[in-house]
Protein backbone atom coordinates (compact mmCIF):
# COMPACT_ATOMS: atom_id res chain seq x y z
CA MET A 1 -99.90 40.00 125.87
CA LYS A 2 -102.20 42.45 125.39
CA MET A 3 -106.32 42.63 125.97
CA LYS A 4 -108.90 44.48 124.20
CA ILE A 5 -111.84 45.96 126.22
CA ASP A 6 -114.91 46.65 123.59
CA GLU A 7 -116.48 50.12 124.75
CA GLU A 8 -119.89 48.97 124.08
CA LEU A 9 -120.09 45.43 125.25
CA CYS A 10 -118.70 47.05 128.95
CA THR A 11 -121.45 47.27 131.02
CA GLY A 12 -119.39 47.93 134.41
CA HIS A 13 -120.21 44.77 136.38
CA GLY A 14 -116.32 44.84 137.45
CA ARG A 15 -115.73 41.14 137.37
CA CYS A 16 -112.62 41.69 135.65
CA ALA A 17 -111.13 44.07 138.28
CA LYS A 18 -111.99 41.32 141.17
CA TYR A 19 -109.96 38.79 139.87
CA ALA A 20 -106.69 41.17 138.09
CA PRO A 21 -106.96 44.41 139.94
CA ASN A 22 -103.10 44.79 138.77
CA VAL A 23 -104.33 44.52 134.99
CA PHE A 24 -107.82 45.92 134.90
CA ARG A 25 -108.70 49.58 136.36
CA LEU A 26 -112.20 50.79 136.76
CA ASP A 27 -113.73 54.35 136.35
CA ASP A 28 -116.11 55.98 138.81
CA ASP A 29 -118.66 54.27 137.16
CA GLY A 30 -117.68 50.94 137.63
CA TYR A 31 -116.74 50.63 134.09
CA ASN A 32 -113.45 49.33 133.06
CA ALA A 33 -111.84 52.38 132.48
CA ASP A 34 -109.61 51.34 129.80
CA ARG A 35 -112.60 50.44 127.50
CA GLY A 36 -112.70 50.90 123.58
CA GLY A 37 -108.76 50.65 124.07
CA GLU A 38 -106.11 48.05 124.23
CA ILE A 39 -103.74 47.60 127.71
CA GLU A 40 -100.72 45.98 128.16
CA VAL A 41 -100.42 42.71 130.55
CA PRO A 42 -97.93 43.23 133.32
CA ALA A 43 -95.20 40.54 133.32
CA GLY A 44 -96.84 37.79 136.10
CA GLU A 45 -100.70 38.73 135.85
CA GLU A 46 -101.06 37.11 132.64
CA ASP A 47 -103.37 34.02 134.77
CA ASN A 48 -104.99 36.51 136.53
CA ALA A 49 -105.83 38.69 133.43
CA ILE A 50 -107.24 35.11 131.81
CA LYS A 51 -109.74 34.60 134.24
CA GLY A 52 -110.99 38.49 134.45
CA MET A 53 -111.42 38.43 130.81
CA LYS A 54 -113.27 34.93 130.99
CA SER A 55 -114.68 36.16 134.22
CA CYS A 56 -116.53 39.09 131.76
CA PRO A 57 -120.73 38.13 131.06
CA GLU A 58 -120.66 39.88 128.14
CA LYS A 59 -117.39 38.62 126.57
CA ALA A 60 -116.43 42.51 126.44
CA ILE A 61 -112.92 41.56 127.22
CA SER A 62 -110.48 39.60 124.26
CA LEU A 63 -106.85 38.91 123.70
CA ALA A 64 -105.98 41.84 121.20
CA GLY A 65 -105.23 40.45 117.94
CA GLU A 66 -107.19 37.51 117.56
């Protein structure tokens, strides 16, 4: 499963990493370090990744290809 992080929508709340620290990385300013690109969700982390995606107040994270 792949996820896309919108560079313009991410405002650095960091909630995604709270629910899925093995999926989402934050930069030194608290923004998703992979914003503007796609990430591959590690096997077994799909449920956490979905929780992290749903926790984003700006809806900056989406499933890639959707």
